Protein backbone atom coordinates (compact mmCIF):
# COMPACT_ATOMS: atom_id res chain seq x y z
CA MET A 1 0.00 0.00 0.00
CA GLY A 2 2.81 2.37 0.89
CA THR A 3 4.52 1.84 -2.47
CA ALA A 4 1.33 2.64 -4.37
CA GLU A 5 0.79 5.79 -2.30
CA ASN A 6 4.39 6.90 -2.85
CA GLY A 7 4.03 6.22 -6.55
CA ALA A 8 0.88 8.34 -6.73
CA ALA A 9 2.61 11.13 -4.78
CA THR A 10 5.61 11.22 -7.13
CA TRP A 11 3.28 11.09 -10.12
CA LYS A 12 1.41 14.17 -8.89
CA SER A 13 4.63 15.95 -7.98
CA ASP A 14 6.17 15.36 -11.41
CA LEU A 15 2.96 16.45 -13.12
CA ALA A 16 2.87 19.66 -11.07
CA LEU A 17 6.51 20.52 -11.78
CA ALA A 18 6.01 19.91 -15.49
CA LEU A 19 2.88 22.08 -15.41
CA LEU A 20 4.75 24.90 -13.68
CA ALA A 21 7.47 24.87 -16.33
CA ALA A 22 4.87 24.73 -19.13
CA LEU A 23 2.97 27.67 -17.61
CA LEU A 24 6.16 29.74 -17.43
CA ALA A 25 6.86 29.03 -21.10
CA PHE A 26 3.24 29.86 -21.92
CA ALA A 27 3.44 33.12 -19.97
CA PHE A 28 6.58 34.14 -21.84
CA ASP A 29 4.93 33.41 -25.19
CA ALA A 30 1.90 35.43 -24.10
CA TRP A 31 4.15 38.32 -23.00
CA THR A 32 5.78 38.35 -26.43
CA GLY A 33 2.37 38.35 -28.09
CA PHE A 34 2.27 34.83 -29.55
CA GLY A 35 4.17 36.20 -32.52
CA GLN A 36 4.42 32.79 -34.18
CA LEU A 37 0.71 32.97 -35.04
CA THR A 38 1.35 35.79 -37.49
CA ASP A 39 4.90 34.82 -38.45
CA ALA A 40 5.14 31.12 -39.28
CA GLY A 41 8.89 31.36 -39.73
CA GLY A 42 8.77 29.47 -42.99
CA ASP A 43 7.27 26.32 -41.47
CA ASN A 44 4.97 25.14 -44.25
CA ASP A 45 3.87 22.03 -42.36
CA ASN A 46 2.29 23.99 -39.51
CA LEU A 47 0.30 26.08 -41.97
CA LEU A 48 -0.83 23.14 -44.09
CA ARG A 49 -1.89 21.25 -40.97
CA LEU A 50 -4.10 24.23 -40.11
CA VAL A 51 -5.55 24.09 -43.62
CA GLU A 52 -6.17 20.37 -43.21
CA VAL A 53 -7.99 20.94 -39.90
CA ARG A 54 -10.11 23.68 -41.48
CA ASP A 55 -11.05 21.35 -44.33
CA LEU A 56 -12.07 18.66 -41.83
CA LEU A 57 -14.24 21.10 -39.88
CA ALA A 58 -15.73 22.34 -43.14
CA GLY A 59 -17.04 18.87 -43.91
CA GLN A 60 -14.25 17.06 -45.75
CA GLY A 61 -14.48 13.34 -45.03
CA TRP A 62 -12.53 11.72 -42.20
CA PHE A 63 -10.91 9.26 -44.60
CA ASP A 64 -10.45 11.84 -47.36
CA LEU A 65 -6.90 13.18 -47.06
CA HIS A 66 -6.88 14.98 -50.39
CA GLN A 67 -5.47 18.49 -50.44
CA TYR A 68 -7.72 19.75 -53.20
CA ARG A 69 -6.23 23.24 -53.40
CA MET A 70 -2.65 22.13 -54.01
CA GLY A 71 -1.13 20.28 -56.93
CA MET A 72 -2.70 19.52 -60.28
CA GLU A 73 -6.44 19.80 -60.83
CA GLY A 74 -8.11 17.50 -58.31
CA GLY A 75 -5.29 17.86 -55.80
CA PHE A 76 -3.25 15.03 -54.28
CA VAL A 77 -3.51 12.77 -51.23
CA MET A 78 -1.48 13.83 -48.20
CA HIS A 79 0.38 11.23 -46.14
CA TRP A 80 -0.48 12.75 -42.76
CA SER A 81 -2.67 11.16 -40.08
CA ARG A 82 -6.09 12.25 -38.89
CA LEU A 83 -4.89 11.28 -35.39
CA VAL A 84 -3.26 14.72 -35.20
CA ASP A 85 -6.05 16.61 -36.98
CA ALA A 86 -8.73 15.33 -34.60
CA PRO A 87 -7.63 16.86 -31.25
CA ILE A 88 -6.74 20.17 -32.89
CA ALA A 89 -10.16 20.25 -34.57
CA VAL A 90 -11.91 19.46 -31.28
CA ILE A 91 -10.12 22.30 -29.49
CA ALA A 92 -10.84 24.73 -32.32
CA LEU A 93 -14.49 23.69 -32.45
CA ALA A 94 -14.96 24.01 -28.68
CA ALA A 95 -13.14 27.35 -28.51
CA SER A 96 -15.16 28.69 -31.46
CA ALA A 97 -18.39 27.70 -29.72
CA LEU A 98 -17.33 29.39 -26.48
CA THR A 99 -16.04 32.59 -28.07
CA GLY A 100 -18.46 32.84 -30.99
CA SER A 101 -15.53 33.43 -33.34
CA ARG A 102 -13.99 30.85 -35.64
CA PRO A 103 -10.68 32.76 -36.12
CA LEU A 104 -10.35 33.16 -32.35
CA GLY A 105 -11.15 29.47 -31.90
CA GLU A 106 -8.34 28.62 -34.31
CA ASP A 107 -5.95 30.87 -32.40
CA VAL A 108 -6.85 29.10 -29.15
CA ALA A 109 -6.18 25.72 -30.74
CA GLU A 110 -2.86 26.91 -32.20
CA VAL A 111 -1.76 28.05 -28.74
CA LEU A 112 -3.31 25.41 -26.49
CA TRP A 113 -2.41 22.26 -28.45
CA PRO A 114 1.40 22.78 -28.47
CA ALA A 115 1.26 23.92 -24.83
CA LEU A 116 -0.49 20.71 -23.78
CA LEU A 117 2.08 18.66 -25.69
CA PHE A 118 4.93 20.63 -24.08
CA TRP A 119 3.49 19.87 -20.64
CA SER A 120 2.96 16.17 -21.30
CA THR A 121 6.40 15.73 -22.88
CA LEU A 122 8.02 17.35 -19.85
CA PHE A 123 6.02 15.11 -17.55
CA PHE A 124 7.11 11.91 -19.27
CA THR A 125 10.70 13.21 -19.39
CA ALA A 126 10.56 13.71 -15.63
CA ARG A 127 9.13 10.21 -15.13
CA ALA A 128 11.88 8.70 -17.27
CA ALA A 129 14.54 10.65 -15.37
CA ARG A 130 13.11 9.50 -12.03
CA SER A 131 13.25 5.85 -13.11
CA PHE A 132 16.76 6.32 -14.46
CA GLY A 133 18.43 8.56 -11.87
CA GLY A 134 16.14 8.69 -8.84
CA GLY A 135 14.12 11.54 -7.38
CA GLY A 136 17.07 13.91 -7.50
CA ALA A 137 17.06 13.80 -11.31
CA VAL A 138 13.49 15.10 -11.67
CA LEU A 139 14.13 18.82 -11.17
CA PRO A 140 17.17 18.84 -13.50
CA ALA A 141 15.11 16.94 -16.08
CA ILE A 142 12.34 19.54 -15.88
CA LEU A 143 14.76 22.47 -16.21
CA VAL A 144 17.07 20.98 -18.83
CA GLY A 145 14.16 19.45 -20.73
CA ALA A 146 12.07 22.64 -20.68
CA ALA A 147 14.98 24.75 -21.91
CA GLY A 148 15.85 22.28 -24.66
CA TYR A 149 12.29 21.70 -25.86
CA TYR A 150 11.42 25.40 -25.81
CA PHE A 151 14.38 26.49 -27.92
CA ILE A 152 14.03 23.60 -30.38
CA GLY A 153 10.78 25.30 -31.35
CA ILE A 154 8.51 22.32 -31.98
CA TYR A 155 6.21 23.41 -29.12
CA ASP A 156 5.90 27.04 -30.20
CA PRO A 157 2.43 28.56 -30.55
CA GLY A 158 1.18 27.54 -33.97
CA ALA A 159 3.27 24.34 -34.01
CA LEU A 160 0.61 22.02 -35.40
CA ASP A 161 3.00 19.71 -37.24
CA HIS A 162 3.15 16.11 -35.99
CA HIS A 163 6.77 16.03 -34.77
CA ASN A 164 5.84 17.30 -31.29
CA VAL A 165 3.17 14.60 -30.99
CA GLN A 166 5.68 11.95 -32.02
CA LEU A 167 8.28 13.11 -29.50
CA MET A 168 5.72 13.13 -26.69
CA LEU A 169 4.46 9.62 -27.51
CA THR A 170 7.98 8.20 -27.90
CA MET A 171 9.08 9.70 -24.59
CA ALA A 172 5.90 8.35 -23.00
CA SER A 173 6.62 4.87 -24.33
CA LEU A 174 10.15 5.00 -22.92
CA ALA A 175 9.05 6.37 -19.53
CA LEU A 176 6.33 3.76 -19.14
CA LEU A 177 8.71 0.97 -20.13
CA LEU A 178 11.22 2.16 -17.54
CA GLU A 179 8.46 2.03 -14.90
CA ALA A 180 7.05 -1.29 -16.07
CA PRO A 181 8.74 -3.56 -13.47
CA ALA A 182 7.06 -1.62 -10.67
CA ARG A 183 3.74 -0.65 -12.27
CA ARG A 184 0.94 -2.79 -13.62
CA ARG A 185 -0.30 -1.90 -17.09
CA ALA A 186 2.72 0.37 -17.73
CA ALA A 187 4.05 -2.02 -20.39
CA LEU A 188 0.63 -2.23 -22.03
CA LEU A 189 0.45 1.57 -22.20
CA SER A 190 4.02 1.71 -23.47
CA GLY A 191 3.08 -0.53 -26.39
CA LEU A 192 0.03 1.61 -27.02
CA CYS A 193 2.15 4.78 -27.22
CA ALA A 194 4.71 3.09 -29.48
CA ALA A 195 1.98 2.06 -31.93
CA LEU A 196 0.42 5.53 -31.88
CA THR A 197 3.67 7.33 -32.64
CA LEU A 198 4.22 4.96 -35.55
CA ALA A 199 0.69 5.64 -36.80
CA VAL A 200 1.26 9.40 -36.70
CA GLY A 201 4.26 9.23 -39.04
CA MET A 202 6.93 6.91 -40.35
CA GLU A 203 9.79 9.09 -39.05
CA THR A 204 9.66 7.24 -35.74
CA VAL A 205 10.14 3.75 -37.20
CA PRO A 206 13.77 3.56 -35.92
CA TYR A 207 12.73 4.42 -32.35
CA VAL A 208 9.70 2.13 -32.29
CA ALA A 209 11.79 -0.72 -33.68
CA THR A 210 14.50 -0.04 -31.07
CA ILE A 211 11.98 -0.05 -28.21
CA GLY A 212 10.47 -3.32 -29.44
CA LEU A 213 13.89 -4.93 -29.87
CA CYS A 214 14.91 -3.85 -26.36
CA VAL A 215 11.75 -5.38 -24.88
CA ALA A 216 12.47 -8.65 -26.69
CA LEU A 217 16.15 -8.84 -25.70
CA LEU A 218 15.41 -7.97 -22.07
CA PHE A 219 12.92 -10.84 -22.07
CA VAL A 220 15.65 -13.16 -23.38
CA ALA A 221 18.07 -12.04 -20.66
CA ASP A 222 15.60 -11.98 -17.74
CA PRO A 223 12.44 -14.02 -18.33
CA ASP A 224 11.29 -13.85 -14.71
CA GLY A 225 11.34 -10.05 -14.61
CA GLU A 226 10.48 -9.27 -18.23
CA ARG A 227 8.04 -11.96 -19.33
CA THR A 228 4.87 -10.12 -18.31
CA ILE A 229 6.30 -6.85 -19.62
CA ALA A 230 7.01 -8.35 -23.03
CA ARG A 231 3.56 -9.91 -23.19
CA ASP A 232 1.72 -6.73 -22.23
CA PHE A 233 3.84 -4.51 -24.49
CA GLY A 234 3.16 -6.81 -27.44
CA LEU A 235 -0.58 -6.88 -26.75
CA GLY A 236 -0.77 -3.09 -26.46
CA PHE A 237 1.26 -2.60 -29.61
CA ALA A 238 -0.75 -5.04 -31.73
CA GLY A 239 -4.11 -4.00 -30.30
CA ILE A 240 -3.72 -0.28 -30.97
CA ALA A 241 -2.26 -0.95 -34.41
CA ALA A 242 -5.50 -2.75 -35.25
CA VAL A 243 -7.66 0.04 -33.83
CA VAL A 244 -5.71 2.71 -35.74
CA PHE A 245 -5.92 0.75 -38.98
CA VAL A 246 -9.69 0.37 -38.77
CA THR A 247 -10.33 3.96 -37.70
CA THR A 248 -7.95 5.85 -40.01
CA VAL A 249 -7.76 3.75 -43.19
CA PRO A 250 -10.93 3.53 -45.33
CA PRO A 251 -12.12 -0.02 -46.10
CA SER A 252 -11.59 0.68 -49.80
CA ALA A 253 -7.85 1.13 -49.10
CA TRP A 254 -7.32 -1.81 -46.75
CA GLY A 255 -5.44 -3.66 -49.45
CA ALA A 256 -3.29 -0.70 -50.57
CA ALA A 257 0.21 -0.53 -49.08
CA GLN A 258 1.71 2.93 -48.49
CA CYS A 259 5.31 3.19 -47.34
CA ASP A 260 5.10 6.79 -46.08
CA ALA A 261 1.88 6.48 -44.06
CA PHE A 262 0.11 3.96 -41.82
CA SER A 263 -1.50 1.38 -44.09
CA VAL A 264 -1.94 -2.37 -44.44
CA ALA A 265 1.85 -2.78 -44.63
CA GLN A 266 2.52 -1.15 -41.26
CA PHE A 267 -0.54 -2.78 -39.71
CA ILE A 268 0.46 -6.31 -40.69
CA VAL A 269 4.04 -5.83 -39.50
CA ALA A 270 2.96 -4.21 -36.21
CA ALA A 271 0.22 -6.73 -35.51
CA THR A 272 2.47 -9.68 -36.32
CA ALA A 273 5.34 -8.32 -34.22
CA GLY A 274 3.17 -7.41 -31.23
CA ALA A 275 1.03 -10.55 -31.23
CA GLY A 276 4.06 -12.72 -31.91
CA LEU A 277 5.99 -11.25 -28.97
CA ALA A 278 2.97 -11.65 -26.68
CA ALA A 279 2.50 -15.27 -27.80
CA ILE A 280 6.15 -16.21 -27.28
CA ALA A 281 6.10 -14.67 -23.79
CA SER A 282 2.90 -16.56 -22.95
CA ILE A 283 3.83 -20.05 -24.16
CA GLU A 284 5.73 -22.10 -21.59
CA PRO A 285 7.83 -24.21 -24.00
CA ALA A 286 9.10 -21.06 -25.71
CA VAL A 287 10.16 -19.51 -22.38
CA GLY A 288 12.06 -22.50 -21.03
CA SER A 289 15.66 -21.50 -21.77
CA TRP A 290 17.45 -18.49 -23.20
CA ARG A 291 18.16 -20.46 -26.36
CA ARG A 292 14.48 -21.18 -26.86
CA ARG A 293 13.55 -17.58 -26.19
CA LEU A 294 16.18 -16.25 -28.56
CA GLY A 295 15.32 -18.85 -31.18
CA SER A 296 11.61 -18.10 -30.99
CA LEU A 297 12.24 -14.38 -31.37
CA ALA A 298 14.64 -15.03 -34.25
CA VAL A 299 11.89 -16.97 -36.03
CA LEU A 300 9.51 -14.06 -35.42
CA GLY A 301 12.07 -11.66 -36.86
CA ALA A 302 12.54 -13.87 -39.91
CA VAL A 303 8.78 -14.01 -40.46
CA LEU A 304 8.57 -10.22 -40.29
CA GLY A 305 11.43 -9.85 -42.76
CA LEU A 306 9.84 -12.37 -45.11
CA VAL A 307 6.47 -10.60 -44.95
CA VAL A 308 8.03 -7.27 -45.87
CA ALA A 309 10.27 -8.73 -48.60
CA VAL A 310 7.46 -10.71 -50.24
CA PHE A 311 4.43 -8.44 -49.84
CA PHE A 312 5.90 -4.95 -49.43
CA PRO A 313 9.34 -4.91 -51.08
CA GLN A 314 8.84 -1.32 -52.25
CA CYS A 315 9.12 -0.21 -48.62
CA LEU A 316 12.71 -1.49 -48.40
CA SER A 317 14.02 1.17 -50.77
CA ALA A 318 15.29 4.61 -49.69
CA PRO A 319 12.45 6.93 -48.61
CA TYR A 320 13.02 9.36 -51.49
CA GLY A 321 14.73 6.99 -53.89
CA SER A 322 12.03 7.37 -56.55
CA LEU A 323 11.81 11.16 -56.28
CA ASP A 324 12.25 13.01 -59.57
CA PRO A 325 15.90 14.11 -59.92
CA ARG A 326 14.89 17.73 -60.51
CA LEU A 327 12.91 17.84 -57.27
CA LYS A 328 15.80 16.25 -55.40
CA GLU A 329 18.24 18.83 -56.78
CA LEU A 330 16.08 21.92 -56.43
CA TRP A 331 14.02 21.02 -53.35
CA LEU A 332 15.07 18.08 -51.16
CA ASP A 333 18.80 18.87 -51.19
CA HIS A 334 17.99 22.31 -49.77
CA VAL A 335 15.53 21.29 -47.05
CA ASP A 336 17.13 22.29 -43.72
CA GLU A 337 15.79 19.40 -41.66
CA ALA A 338 16.91 16.84 -44.26
CA GLN A 339 20.60 17.82 -44.13
CA SER A 340 23.20 15.39 -42.75
CA LEU A 341 25.82 15.99 -40.08
CA LEU A 342 28.58 16.01 -42.71
CA THR A 343 26.68 18.62 -44.75
CA LEU A 344 26.25 20.81 -41.67
CA ILE A 345 29.96 20.55 -40.83
CA VAL A 346 30.75 21.91 -44.29
CA ARG A 347 27.94 24.43 -44.75
CA ASP A 348 26.96 25.49 -41.23
CA PRO A 349 29.52 24.30 -38.65
CA ALA A 350 28.17 26.60 -35.92
CA ARG A 351 24.85 24.75 -36.00
CA VAL A 352 26.54 21.45 -35.21
CA ALA A 353 27.05 22.44 -31.58
CA ALA A 354 23.41 23.44 -31.19
CA ARG A 355 22.15 20.10 -32.47
CA TYR A 356 24.72 17.46 -31.53
CA ALA A 357 26.60 18.61 -28.40
CA THR A 358 24.30 17.50 -25.56
CA PRO A 359 23.49 14.10 -27.16
CA LEU A 360 27.21 13.48 -27.61
CA VAL A 361 27.90 14.37 -23.96
CA ALA A 362 25.13 11.98 -22.90
CA ILE A 363 26.56 9.18 -25.05
CA ILE A 364 29.97 9.71 -23.43
CA LEU A 365 28.35 9.51 -19.99
CA MET A 366 26.69 6.20 -20.88
CA ALA A 367 29.96 4.82 -22.27
CA LEU A 368 31.69 5.69 -19.00
CA ARG A 369 28.90 4.01 -17.05
CA LEU A 370 29.31 0.86 -19.14
CA ARG A 371 33.06 0.92 -18.54
CA ARG A 372 32.59 1.17 -14.77
CA GLY A 373 30.26 -1.82 -14.70
CA GLY A 374 26.96 -2.20 -12.88
CA TRP A 375 24.96 -1.95 -16.10
CA ARG A 376 21.20 -1.81 -15.46
CA ARG A 377 17.99 -2.42 -17.35
CA GLN A 378 17.38 1.35 -17.49
CA ASP A 379 20.80 1.91 -19.02
CA SER A 380 20.07 -0.47 -21.88
CA LEU A 381 16.79 1.21 -22.83
CA VAL A 382 18.06 4.80 -22.65
CA THR A 383 21.39 4.08 -24.34
CA ALA A 384 19.79 2.17 -27.21
CA LEU A 385 17.33 4.97 -28.00
CA LEU A 386 19.96 7.68 -27.57
CA ALA A 387 22.43 5.90 -29.87
CA ILE A 388 19.82 5.23 -32.57
CA ALA A 389 18.54 8.81 -32.44
CA PHE A 390 22.08 10.17 -32.71
CA ALA A 391 22.79 7.91 -35.69
CA VAL A 392 19.57 8.94 -37.44
CA GLY A 393 20.39 12.56 -36.61
CA ALA A 394 23.75 12.18 -38.32
CA TRP A 395 21.80 11.16 -41.43
CA GLN A 396 19.12 13.87 -41.16
CA VAL A 397 19.28 16.77 -38.72
CA ARG A 398 15.55 16.53 -37.96
CA ALA A 399 16.22 13.46 -35.79
CA THR A 400 18.39 15.50 -33.42
CA THR A 401 15.13 16.63 -31.81
CA PHE A 402 14.81 13.10 -30.44
CA SER A 403 18.47 12.69 -29.50
CA ILE A 404 18.39 16.02 -27.61
CA ALA A 405 15.30 14.78 -25.74
CA PHE A 406 16.73 11.35 -24.87
CA ALA A 407 19.97 13.01 -23.75
CA VAL A 408 18.07 14.86 -21.02
CA ILE A 409 17.68 11.61 -19.06
CA PRO A 410 21.37 10.71 -18.42
CA LEU A 411 22.29 14.40 -18.20
CA SER A 412 19.73 14.99 -15.45
CA ALA A 413 21.10 11.99 -13.53
CA TRP A 414 24.61 13.45 -13.94
CA ILE A 415 23.47 16.78 -12.54
CA ALA A 416 21.68 15.02 -9.67
CA LYS A 417 24.90 13.21 -8.73
CA TRP A 418 26.90 16.45 -8.55
CA ARG A 419 24.10 18.22 -6.67
CA ALA A 420 24.23 15.48 -4.04
CA ARG A 421 28.00 15.91 -3.78
CA ALA A 422 27.66 19.68 -3.48
CA GLU A 423 25.14 19.30 -0.64
CA THR A 424 27.63 17.28 1.43
CA SER A 425 30.72 19.29 0.53
CA SER A 426 31.70 22.93 0.96
CA SER A 427 34.50 22.59 -1.61
CA LEU A 428 34.70 25.36 -4.19
CA GLY A 429 35.91 22.80 -6.72
CA VAL A 430 32.73 20.74 -6.33
CA ALA A 431 30.56 23.86 -6.70
CA LEU A 432 32.40 24.88 -9.86
CA ARG A 433 32.08 21.39 -11.29
CA LEU A 434 28.35 21.42 -10.55
CA ALA A 435 28.00 24.74 -12.38
CA ALA A 436 29.97 23.36 -15.32
CA VAL A 437 27.80 20.23 -15.42
CA TRP A 438 24.67 22.39 -15.53
CA LEU A 439 26.04 24.54 -18.35
CA VAL A 440 27.22 21.60 -20.43
CA SER A 441 23.83 19.87 -20.06
CA ILE A 442 21.59 22.76 -21.13
CA ASN A 443 21.15 22.68 -24.87
CA PRO A 444 20.38 26.43 -25.31
CA VAL A 445 23.86 27.16 -23.92
CA TRP A 446 25.32 25.33 -26.88
CA THR A 447 22.84 27.12 -29.14
CA GLY A 448 24.15 30.42 -27.81
CA VAL A 449 27.73 29.33 -28.37
CA ALA A 450 26.81 28.30 -31.92
CA ALA A 451 25.10 31.65 -32.54
CA ALA A 452 28.12 33.56 -31.24
CA ALA A 453 30.43 31.48 -33.42
CA SER A 454 28.20 32.10 -36.41
CA VAL A 455 28.31 35.86 -35.85
CA ALA A 456 32.08 35.72 -35.53
CA LEU A 457 32.42 33.70 -38.73
CA ASP A 458 30.12 36.12 -40.60
CA LYS A 459 31.76 39.23 -39.18
CA GLY A 460 32.88 40.49 -42.54
CA LYS A 461 29.55 39.91 -44.26
CA PRO A 462 26.89 42.60 -44.68
CA VAL A 463 24.20 42.61 -42.01
CA GLY A 464 20.53 43.20 -42.72
CA ASP A 465 18.64 46.14 -41.31
CA GLY A 466 17.10 43.93 -38.62
CA GLY A 467 13.80 45.71 -39.03
CA ALA A 468 10.33 44.39 -39.65
CA ALA A 469 10.87 43.74 -43.36
CA ASP A 470 9.58 40.31 -44.37
CA THR A 471 12.14 39.60 -47.06
CA THR A 472 11.51 35.85 -47.13
CA CYS A 473 7.68 36.14 -47.14
CA GLU A 474 6.93 34.28 -43.91
CA LYS A 475 4.46 36.65 -42.23
CA LYS A 476 0.69 36.58 -42.44
CA ALA A 477 0.47 40.29 -43.25
CA SER A 478 2.51 39.81 -46.42
CA PHE A 479 -0.30 37.70 -47.89
CA ALA A 480 -3.16 40.04 -46.92
CA PRO A 481 -3.45 41.59 -50.43
CA LEU A 482 -3.65 38.10 -51.93
CA GLY A 483 -6.36 37.11 -49.47
CA GLY A 484 -8.55 39.98 -50.59
CA MET A 485 -8.63 38.93 -54.24
CA ALA A 486 -11.16 36.75 -56.03
CA ASP A 487 -10.38 33.04 -55.82
CA THR A 488 -8.17 31.70 -58.58
CA THR A 489 -5.13 29.51 -59.19
CA VAL A 490 -1.82 31.08 -58.16
CA LEU A 491 1.50 30.19 -59.77
CA ALA A 492 4.12 30.41 -57.00
CA ILE A 493 7.22 28.63 -55.71
CA SER A 494 6.68 25.69 -53.34
CA ASN A 495 7.68 27.68 -50.25
CA LEU A 496 4.68 29.96 -50.84
CA GLY A 497 2.24 27.11 -51.36
CA ALA A 498 1.11 26.51 -47.78
CA PRO A 499 0.94 30.24 -46.85
CA VAL A 500 -1.26 30.94 -49.89
CA LEU A 501 -3.66 28.17 -48.79
CA ALA A 502 -3.64 29.25 -45.14
CA TYR A 503 -4.06 32.98 -45.73
CA SER A 504 -6.40 32.94 -48.74
CA SER A 505 -8.94 30.80 -50.61
CA HIS A 506 -6.80 30.44 -53.72
CA ARG A 507 -5.26 27.20 -54.97
CA VAL A 508 -1.63 26.54 -55.96
CA PHE A 509 0.40 23.98 -57.88
CA ALA A 510 3.54 23.74 -55.77
CA GLY A 511 4.10 22.79 -52.15
CA PRO A 512 7.10 21.13 -50.42
CA TYR A 513 5.56 17.65 -50.18
CA HIS A 514 7.00 14.55 -51.81
CA ARG A 515 3.63 13.27 -53.01
CA ASN A 516 2.94 16.47 -54.95
CA VAL A 517 5.30 15.54 -57.77
CA ALA A 518 3.22 16.69 -60.75
CA GLY A 519 2.30 20.05 -59.22
CA ASN A 520 5.86 20.84 -58.20
CA LEU A 521 7.27 19.88 -61.59
CA LEU A 522 4.68 22.04 -63.36
CA ALA A 523 5.71 25.07 -61.29
CA LEU A 524 9.38 24.37 -62.03
CA ASP A 525 8.64 24.12 -65.75
CA ALA A 526 6.91 27.50 -65.61
CA PHE A 527 9.56 29.35 -63.63
CA LEU A 528 12.65 27.78 -65.16
CA GLY A 529 11.42 27.94 -68.74
CA SER A 530 10.91 30.97 -70.95
CA ALA A 531 8.07 33.46 -70.65
CA ASP A 532 6.36 31.72 -73.56
CA ASP A 533 6.62 28.37 -71.75
CA ALA A 534 5.11 29.95 -68.65
CA ARG A 535 2.30 31.49 -70.67
CA ALA A 536 1.38 28.14 -72.18
CA ILE A 537 1.15 26.61 -68.70
CA VAL A 538 -0.81 29.57 -67.35
CA GLU A 539 -3.37 29.37 -70.14
CA ALA A 540 -3.67 25.59 -70.03
CA HIS A 541 -4.35 25.53 -66.29
CA ARG A 542 -6.42 28.72 -65.92
CA VAL A 543 -3.91 30.53 -63.71
CA GLY A 544 -5.14 33.95 -62.61
CA LEU A 545 -2.22 35.23 -60.52
CA VAL A 546 1.54 34.87 -60.35
CA ALA A 547 3.15 35.41 -56.94
CA VAL A 548 6.91 35.95 -56.51
CA CYS A 549 8.96 36.40 -53.35
CA PRO A 550 12.35 37.87 -54.39
CA GLY A 551 13.97 37.28 -51.00
CA ASN A 552 13.00 33.65 -50.50
CA VAL A 553 15.86 31.15 -50.69
CA GLU A 554 13.95 29.00 -53.15
CA THR A 555 13.65 31.96 -55.51
CA VAL A 556 17.42 32.41 -55.34
CA ILE A 557 18.02 28.72 -56.07
CA LEU A 558 15.72 28.74 -59.10
CA THR A 559 17.14 31.93 -60.58
CA ARG A 560 20.65 30.53 -60.25
CA LYS A 561 19.50 27.36 -61.99
CA ALA A 562 17.91 29.29 -64.88
CA PRO A 563 19.33 32.84 -65.03
CA GLN A 564 17.47 33.46 -68.31
CA GLY A 565 14.22 31.85 -67.17
CA PHE A 566 10.78 33.34 -66.58
CA LEU A 567 11.32 33.83 -62.83
CA ALA A 568 14.71 35.48 -63.31
CA ASP A 569 13.20 37.83 -65.89
CA LEU A 570 10.46 38.89 -63.47
CA LEU A 571 13.06 39.71 -60.82
CA ARG A 572 14.91 41.87 -63.37
CA GLY A 573 11.71 43.76 -64.09
CA ARG A 574 11.07 42.14 -67.47
CA VAL A 575 7.33 41.63 -67.21
CA PRO A 576 5.71 40.05 -70.29
CA ASP A 577 2.72 41.83 -71.79
CA TRP A 578 0.35 39.08 -70.67
CA LEU A 579 1.03 39.96 -67.02
CA GLU A 580 -0.03 43.06 -65.10
CA PRO A 581 1.86 44.05 -61.89
CA ILE A 582 -0.69 44.75 -59.14
CA SER A 583 1.24 44.79 -55.85
CA GLU A 584 2.76 47.73 -53.99
CA LYS A 585 6.47 48.28 -54.55
CA GLU A 586 7.31 47.72 -50.86
CA SER A 587 5.29 44.49 -50.64
CA PRO A 588 7.44 41.37 -49.93
CA VAL A 589 5.23 39.33 -52.27
CA SER A 590 5.17 40.64 -55.84
CA LEU A 591 1.82 39.91 -57.48
CA TYR A 592 0.99 39.83 -61.18
CA ARG A 593 -2.47 39.43 -62.66
CA VAL A 594 -2.79 37.38 -65.82
CA ARG A 595 -4.45 39.46 -68.52
CA GLN A 596 -7.56 37.82 -69.99
CA ALA A 597 -6.97 34.67 -67.89
CA GLY A 598 -8.89 31.63 -69.08
């Protein structure tokens, strides 16, 4: 009874501390005016998610993931999950009903949803830190985690993209698995969270696979302590995979495999893996010896590999292997979050510290722990996820969000150890070491160092005016003139696609999404070709407006690719007679009306 009461008390304490940190972050955002709601900072995904939620609330079908206003006529099917749309839509709907204003309801959802995710992620980080490093690690985990998560930016107001949901669910799965030996149903809930994060997006496949593999190997090593955990995790994982499949995939598409979204392929693999693990852990002959356990799991692994190789071989290729070479050259190779560690070292070395320093410190700490001996169950789980996240982050910088988060757990335990030493010692050396440990563990410190280094490296380069000019066309106000015009099709670069949809009722061809191949290629043909080529496209597809952002990086890339092309000519002021300039000279977005369109 005492253990249960203590567990409930720590649970409430951790929840309260996480809430306090989340409220402080919320108060700071409120003090600064929730500026991200009017300045998306170039994050197309947040804006398109808002558009997707609006479409759902406007009556678009639950199973219908078409984005009808982007791409070729008829639109294209997005690969995102309704699991993220649903809670945002519920908040927006409830807030609109309470306030009597749909725009205000949307603002509430854009602020409240990321704040709730920030709070819950901090809570699960604190729980994981407590299981890993004891009660003394909770406060450091809250402080280090809050600082890291806040400055990463995925919990900013307006952050409706799914990466924050995925991080929260993955951290929840880890925290629950760490608690599983002492808590009933924790393993079941861990499997549930692992399946949900996979259903939200395929980016978390490496982490879900690592968690599942750890559960299986721990069961091989310690059947007495891990048998029930493996069984419950497998049941939760398979059960929720089935629920998600039935509720998010239309019956007409149950036989269609998609490699970039949750479909029959992911469902069969998840259900087979989860049910297979639960069955092996439940059958006495399979549990008998470590050889039997390992052999049974090896057979399960072989079955999974055979299923994928025979029925879904297309999902074994590189994620963007079939992408058109032009889109890879002019779009994917320039996407910030898709850059590798080696690319950053060459192009942006200052950013390396901001993204890789704290995970590397945490990995060193775990290596030292392994060297000293006394390796624990907790160490295996945290180290495996941290190492995988760091490796994936070396491939694509977007994964460093996860490695920074997982690093908080060993770093908070490190801080807790030095805090305990400082409490029993009056030595100045111990106090200085504690201060150094704090500084090294807080990711924004490294971000500041990186920023200072970047300024030093760019000392001889011209500096912008630092004013309110929206040179890259990322602010809502820049699209106000476009929003006041009659609905039509707008020819624009892909970076303007989502803002045009979010801030107006127009439709566009281009948007930075790998499924929108035809629309993106059409826009490239128009901008890179001659004015006559562009005119033919404009007339064939009933384009009414052309929108250009001279300061956007994509515009620069395209004009360098085709210095004599249609887009380059517009930037030089060579406007063909079939276009009429209609925007103010100081407007960041240059607008041209097509004469006699259609």
